[in-house]
Amino acid sequence: MKAVLTVVGKDAVGILAKVSTECAKYNVNILDVSQSILQDMFCMIMIGDVDKLNIPFGDFSDAMAKLGKEIGMDVHVMHEDLFNSMHRI
């Protein structure tokens, strides 16, 4: 299974490193990353493989949101199934 992670906030050094380190801590394999800087706003979407996640998915989502608060960013994690359901016509 996959998860979609979004990260948005004021640009700063090390955002990608901090988010990817936290993912590695929970055994999430990052499959794809897209990021851009819009003026001084950092915007990133990551796709992660959560098949080998070492904690419950809800706890992972909460941990990533907590990391977001610590680094002054808005970090959301959405399971691939929910993401696909939301975008089905």
Protein backbone atom coordinates (compact mmCIF):
# COMPACT_ATOMS: atom_id res chain seq x y z
CA MET A 1 0.00 0.00 0.00
CA LYS A 2 1.03 3.57 -0.56
CA ALA A 3 0.50 6.86 1.23
CA VAL A 4 0.46 10.42 -0.08
CA LEU A 5 2.35 12.91 2.09
CA THR A 6 2.01 16.65 1.56
CA VAL A 7 4.25 19.27 3.12
CA VAL A 8 3.52 23.00 2.86
CA GLY A 9 5.02 25.98 4.64
CA LYS A 10 7.65 28.68 4.61
CA ASP A 11 10.81 27.52 2.86
CA ALA A 12 13.79 26.60 5.05
CA VAL A 13 16.92 24.49 4.84
CA GLY A 14 16.53 20.75 5.50
CA ILE A 15 12.79 20.19 5.09
CA LEU A 16 13.16 17.25 2.73
CA ALA A 17 15.87 15.75 4.95
CA LYS A 18 13.74 16.01 8.10
CA VAL A 19 10.63 14.54 6.48
CA SER A 20 12.52 11.69 4.79
CA THR A 21 14.40 10.89 8.02
CA GLU A 22 11.10 10.64 9.89
CA CYS A 23 9.72 8.35 7.16
CA ALA A 24 12.79 6.10 7.44
CA LYS A 25 12.30 5.92 11.21
CA TYR A 26 8.93 4.23 10.60
CA ASN A 27 10.22 2.06 7.71
CA VAL A 28 8.42 4.00 4.97
CA ASN A 29 10.10 3.69 1.58
CA ILE A 30 9.85 6.93 -0.40
CA LEU A 31 8.92 6.08 -3.98
CA ASP A 32 8.50 9.51 -5.54
CA VAL A 33 8.94 13.16 -4.60
CA SER A 34 7.84 16.37 -6.24
CA GLN A 35 8.69 19.70 -4.68
CA SER A 36 8.66 23.33 -5.67
CA ILE A 37 9.18 26.71 -4.12
CA LEU A 38 6.45 29.24 -4.84
CA GLN A 39 7.88 32.62 -3.83
CA ASP A 40 8.92 31.72 -0.26
CA MET A 41 6.47 28.81 0.18
CA PHE A 42 7.77 25.24 0.11
CA CYS A 43 5.36 22.69 -1.42
CA MET A 44 6.11 18.96 -1.57
CA ILE A 45 4.21 15.80 -2.40
CA MET A 46 5.72 12.42 -1.57
CA ILE A 47 4.50 8.93 -2.36
CA GLY A 48 5.62 6.38 0.21
CA ASP A 49 5.30 2.60 0.40
CA VAL A 50 3.79 1.82 3.82
CA ASP A 51 3.64 -1.98 3.47
CA LYS A 52 6.45 -2.40 6.03
CA LEU A 53 5.30 0.38 8.35
CA ASN A 54 6.41 -0.49 11.90
CA ILE A 55 3.57 1.34 13.68
CA PRO A 56 -0.17 1.63 12.95
CA PHE A 57 -0.98 3.92 10.02
CA GLY A 58 -2.90 6.39 12.22
CA ASP A 59 0.08 6.70 14.55
CA PHE A 60 2.36 7.37 11.57
CA SER A 61 0.01 10.09 10.35
CA ASP A 62 -0.03 11.65 13.82
CA ALA A 63 3.79 11.47 14.07
CA MET A 64 4.17 13.24 10.73
CA ALA A 65 1.69 15.96 11.76
CA LYS A 66 3.68 16.40 14.99
CA LEU A 67 6.90 16.72 13.00
CA GLY A 68 5.19 19.35 10.87
CA LYS A 69 4.38 21.43 13.94
CA GLU A 70 7.95 21.08 15.20
CA ILE A 71 9.42 22.38 11.94
CA GLY A 72 6.71 24.98 11.28
CA MET A 73 5.16 23.15 8.34
CA ASP A 74 1.77 21.65 7.55
CA VAL A 75 2.32 17.90 7.01
CA HIS A 76 -0.56 15.59 6.04
CA VAL A 77 -0.55 11.86 5.36
CA MET A 78 -3.34 10.21 3.42
CA HIS A 79 -3.66 6.51 2.64
CA GLU A 80 -3.66 5.77 -1.10
CA ASP A 81 -7.13 4.16 -0.92
CA LEU A 82 -8.66 7.31 0.59
CA PHE A 83 -6.83 9.52 -1.90
CA ASN A 84 -8.10 7.43 -4.84
CA SER A 85 -11.66 7.41 -3.48
CA MET A 86 -11.66 11.18 -3.17
CA HIS A 87 -10.52 11.63 -6.77
CA ARG A 88 -12.79 9.15 -8.50
CA ILE A 89 -15.43 10.51 -10.84
